[in-house]
C-alpha atoms as a PDB file:
ATOM      1  CA  UNK A   1       0.000   0.000   0.000  1.00  0.00           C
ATOM      2  CA  UNK A   2       2.926   2.315   0.697  1.00  0.00           C
ATOM      3  CA  UNK A   3       4.055   2.181  -2.943  1.00  0.00           C
ATOM      4  CA  UNK A   4       0.571   2.614  -4.396  1.00  0.00           C
ATOM      5  CA  UNK A   5       0.588   6.418  -4.314  1.00  0.00           C
ATOM      6  CA  UNK A   6       4.113   6.539  -5.661  1.00  0.00           C
ATOM      7  CA  UNK A   7       3.154   4.279  -8.568  1.00  0.00           C
ATOM      8  CA  UNK A   8       0.093   6.403  -9.334  1.00  0.00           C
ATOM      9  CA  UNK A   9       2.295   9.506  -9.494  1.00  0.00           C
ATOM     10  CA  UNK A  10       4.875   7.741 -11.670  1.00  0.00           C
ATOM     11  CA  UNK A  11       2.228   6.537 -14.105  1.00  0.00           C
ATOM     12  CA  UNK A  12       0.756  10.044 -14.275  1.00  0.00           C
ATOM     13  CA  UNK A  13       4.192  11.437 -15.030  1.00  0.00           C
ATOM     14  CA  UNK A  14       4.763   8.894 -17.798  1.00  0.00           C
ATOM     15  CA  UNK A  15       1.334   9.670 -19.219  1.00  0.00           C
ATOM     16  CA  UNK A  16       1.865  13.418 -19.303  1.00  0.00           C
ATOM     17  CA  UNK A  17       5.381  13.413 -20.678  1.00  0.00           C
ATOM     18  CA  UNK A  18       5.571  10.352 -22.895  1.00  0.00           C
ATOM     19  CA  UNK A  19       2.495   8.167 -23.411  1.00  0.00           C
ATOM     20  CA  UNK A  20      -0.500  10.542 -23.133  1.00  0.00           C
ATOM     21  CA  UNK A  21      -3.244  10.314 -20.525  1.00  0.00           C
ATOM     22  CA  UNK A  22      -5.632   8.931 -23.153  1.00  0.00           C
ATOM     23  CA  UNK A  23      -3.387   5.997 -24.032  1.00  0.00           C
ATOM     24  CA  UNK A  24      -2.529   5.237 -20.400  1.00  0.00           C
ATOM     25  CA  UNK A  25      -6.209   5.178 -19.487  1.00  0.00           C
ATOM     26  CA  UNK A  26      -7.008   2.831 -22.372  1.00  0.00           C
ATOM     27  CA  UNK A  27      -4.081   0.539 -21.544  1.00  0.00           C
ATOM     28  CA  UNK A  28      -5.071   0.431 -17.883  1.00  0.00           C
ATOM     29  CA  UNK A  29      -8.663  -0.533 -18.762  1.00  0.00           C
ATOM     30  CA  UNK A  30      -7.633  -3.166 -21.289  1.00  0.00           C
ATOM     31  CA  UNK A  31      -5.098  -4.626 -18.875  1.00  0.00           C
ATOM     32  CA  UNK A  32      -7.774  -4.960 -16.185  1.00  0.00           C
ATOM     33  CA  UNK A  33     -10.091  -6.690 -18.670  1.00  0.00           C
ATOM     34  CA  UNK A  34      -7.208  -8.870 -19.957  1.00  0.00           C
ATOM     35  CA  UNK A  35      -7.928  -7.995 -23.583  1.00  0.00           C
ATOM     36  CA  UNK A  36      -4.682  -6.314 -24.626  1.00  0.00           C
ATOM     37  CA  UNK A  37      -3.421  -6.895 -28.138  1.00  0.00           C
ATOM     38  CA  UNK A  38       0.129  -8.173 -28.507  1.00  0.00           C
ATOM     39  CA  UNK A  39       1.522  -4.738 -29.362  1.00  0.00           C
ATOM     40  CA  UNK A  40      -0.314  -3.019 -26.544  1.00  0.00           C
ATOM     41  CA  UNK A  41       0.767  -5.762 -24.146  1.00  0.00           C
ATOM     42  CA  UNK A  42       4.395  -5.031 -25.035  1.00  0.00           C
ATOM     43  CA  UNK A  43       3.880  -1.380 -24.126  1.00  0.00           C
ATOM     44  CA  UNK A  44       2.255  -2.299 -20.812  1.00  0.00           C
ATOM     45  CA  UNK A  45       5.250  -4.499 -19.997  1.00  0.00           C
ATOM     46  CA  UNK A  46       7.644  -1.676 -20.832  1.00  0.00           C
ATOM     47  CA  UNK A  47       5.686   0.802 -18.701  1.00  0.00           C
ATOM     48  CA  UNK A  48       5.758  -1.620 -15.770  1.00  0.00           C
ATOM     49  CA  UNK A  49       9.512  -1.996 -16.228  1.00  0.00           C
ATOM     50  CA  UNK A  50       9.922   1.785 -16.185  1.00  0.00           C
ATOM     51  CA  UNK A  51       7.928   2.118 -12.969  1.00  0.00           C
ATOM     52  CA  UNK A  52       9.888  -0.665 -11.259  1.00  0.00           C
ATOM     53  CA  UNK A  53      13.136   0.845 -12.511  1.00  0.00           C
ATOM     54  CA  UNK A  54      12.187   4.208 -11.077  1.00  0.00           C
ATOM     55  CA  UNK A  55      11.325   2.679  -7.719  1.00  0.00           C
ATOM     56  CA  UNK A  56      14.709   0.916  -7.619  1.00  0.00           C
ATOM     57  CA  UNK A  57      16.978   3.568  -9.142  1.00  0.00           C
ATOM     58  CA  UNK A  58      15.115   6.839  -8.719  1.00  0.00           C
ATOM     59  CA  UNK A  59      14.861   7.757 -12.415  1.00  0.00           C
ATOM     60  CA  UNK A  60      13.279   6.699 -15.672  1.00  0.00           C
ATOM     61  CA  UNK A  61      15.399   5.347 -18.510  1.00  0.00           C
ATOM     62  CA  UNK A  62      14.844   8.097 -21.084  1.00  0.00           C
ATOM     63  CA  UNK A  63      16.450   6.069 -23.891  1.00  0.00           C
ATOM     64  CA  UNK A  64      13.960   3.254 -23.350  1.00  0.00           C
ATOM     65  CA  UNK A  65      11.092   5.735 -23.100  1.00  0.00           C
ATOM     66  CA  UNK A  66      12.145   7.251 -26.418  1.00  0.00           C
ATOM     67  CA  UNK A  67      12.184   3.742 -27.909  1.00  0.00           C
ATOM     68  CA  UNK A  68       8.659   3.135 -26.591  1.00  0.00           C
ATOM     69  CA  UNK A  69       7.423   6.385 -28.122  1.00  0.00           C
ATOM     70  CA  UNK A  70       9.110   5.583 -31.443  1.00  0.00           C
ATOM     71  CA  UNK A  71       7.426   2.175 -31.466  1.00  0.00           C
ATOM     72  CA  UNK A  72       4.069   3.867 -30.819  1.00  0.00           C
ATOM     73  CA  UNK A  73       4.747   6.454 -33.538  1.00  0.00           C
ATOM     74  CA  UNK A  74       5.522   3.726 -36.087  1.00  0.00           C
ATOM     75  CA  UNK A  75       2.328   1.780 -35.372  1.00  0.00           C
ATOM     76  CA  UNK A  76      -0.493   4.349 -35.517  1.00  0.00           C
ATOM     77  CA  UNK A  77      -3.147   1.697 -36.162  1.00  0.00           C
ATOM     78  CA  UNK A  78      -2.483   0.156 -32.736  1.00  0.00           C
ATOM     79  CA  UNK A  79      -2.154   3.373 -30.741  1.00  0.00           C
ATOM     80  CA  UNK A  80      -4.771   5.777 -32.086  1.00  0.00           C
ATOM     81  CA  UNK A  81      -5.269   7.402 -28.673  1.00  0.00           C
ATOM     82  CA  UNK A  82      -1.652   8.552 -28.607  1.00  0.00           C
ATOM     83  CA  UNK A  83      -1.676   9.854 -32.177  1.00  0.00           C
ATOM     84  CA  UNK A  84      -4.761  11.972 -31.465  1.00  0.00           C
ATOM     85  CA  UNK A  85      -3.396  13.343 -28.173  1.00  0.00           C
ATOM     86  CA  UNK A  86      -1.671  16.591 -27.296  1.00  0.00           C
ATOM     87  CA  UNK A  87       1.295  14.537 -26.093  1.00  0.00           C
ATOM     88  CA  UNK A  88       1.902  13.321 -29.643  1.00  0.00           C
ATOM     89  CA  UNK A  89       2.262  16.933 -30.749  1.00  0.00           C
ATOM     90  CA  UNK A  90       5.279  17.263 -28.454  1.00  0.00           C
ATOM     91  CA  UNK A  91       7.066  14.677 -30.567  1.00  0.00           C
ATOM     92  CA  UNK A  92       6.191  16.301 -33.902  1.00  0.00           C
ATOM     93  CA  UNK A  93       7.312  19.920 -33.646  1.00  0.00           C
ATOM     94  CA  UNK A  94       6.651  22.278 -36.542  1.00  0.00           C
ATOM     95  CA  UNK A  95       9.347  22.496 -39.189  1.00  0.00           C
ATOM     96  CA  UNK A  96      10.428  25.902 -40.413  1.00  0.00           C
ATOM     97  CA  UNK A  97      12.176  26.153 -43.764  1.00  0.00           C
ATOM     98  CA  UNK A  98      14.076  29.076 -45.214  1.00  0.00           C
ATOM     99  CA  UNK A  99      14.139  29.717 -48.907  1.00  0.00           C
ATOM    100  CA  UNK A 100      17.542  30.239 -50.478  1.00  0.00           C
ATOM    101  CA  UNK A 101      16.505  33.718 -51.622  1.00  0.00           C
ATOM    102  CA  UNK A 102      15.588  34.759 -48.069  1.00  0.00           C
ATOM    103  CA  UNK A 103      17.965  37.100 -46.305  1.00  0.00           C
ATOM    104  CA  UNK A 104      19.820  35.319 -43.549  1.00  0.00           C
ATOM    105  CA  UNK A 105      20.144  32.045 -45.453  1.00  0.00           C
ATOM    106  CA  UNK A 106      23.712  30.972 -44.738  1.00  0.00           C
ATOM    107  CA  UNK A 107      24.403  28.163 -47.192  1.00  0.00           C
END
């Protein structure tokens, strides 16, 4: 029971910064109902590993989290909640392009 509140906070942090609250909520519900797809089950396992790792070491493994997000990004059909979320926008920043004729173009 002592770890319960810590785990809730850690999951909320992962949801806000990496996985989106919408996806975390869906994964939590599907996990409780035991109807996760194979791809979604992999993500749940990785999230659990991140939470356990944080409890043991005091930090998330950002490289692994980036790998999780890249996996989600490459499989939009399996993770629609993430792709429609505001969190996904954090990983797709706008691209600004200069034209060669524009002043200030260095190359």
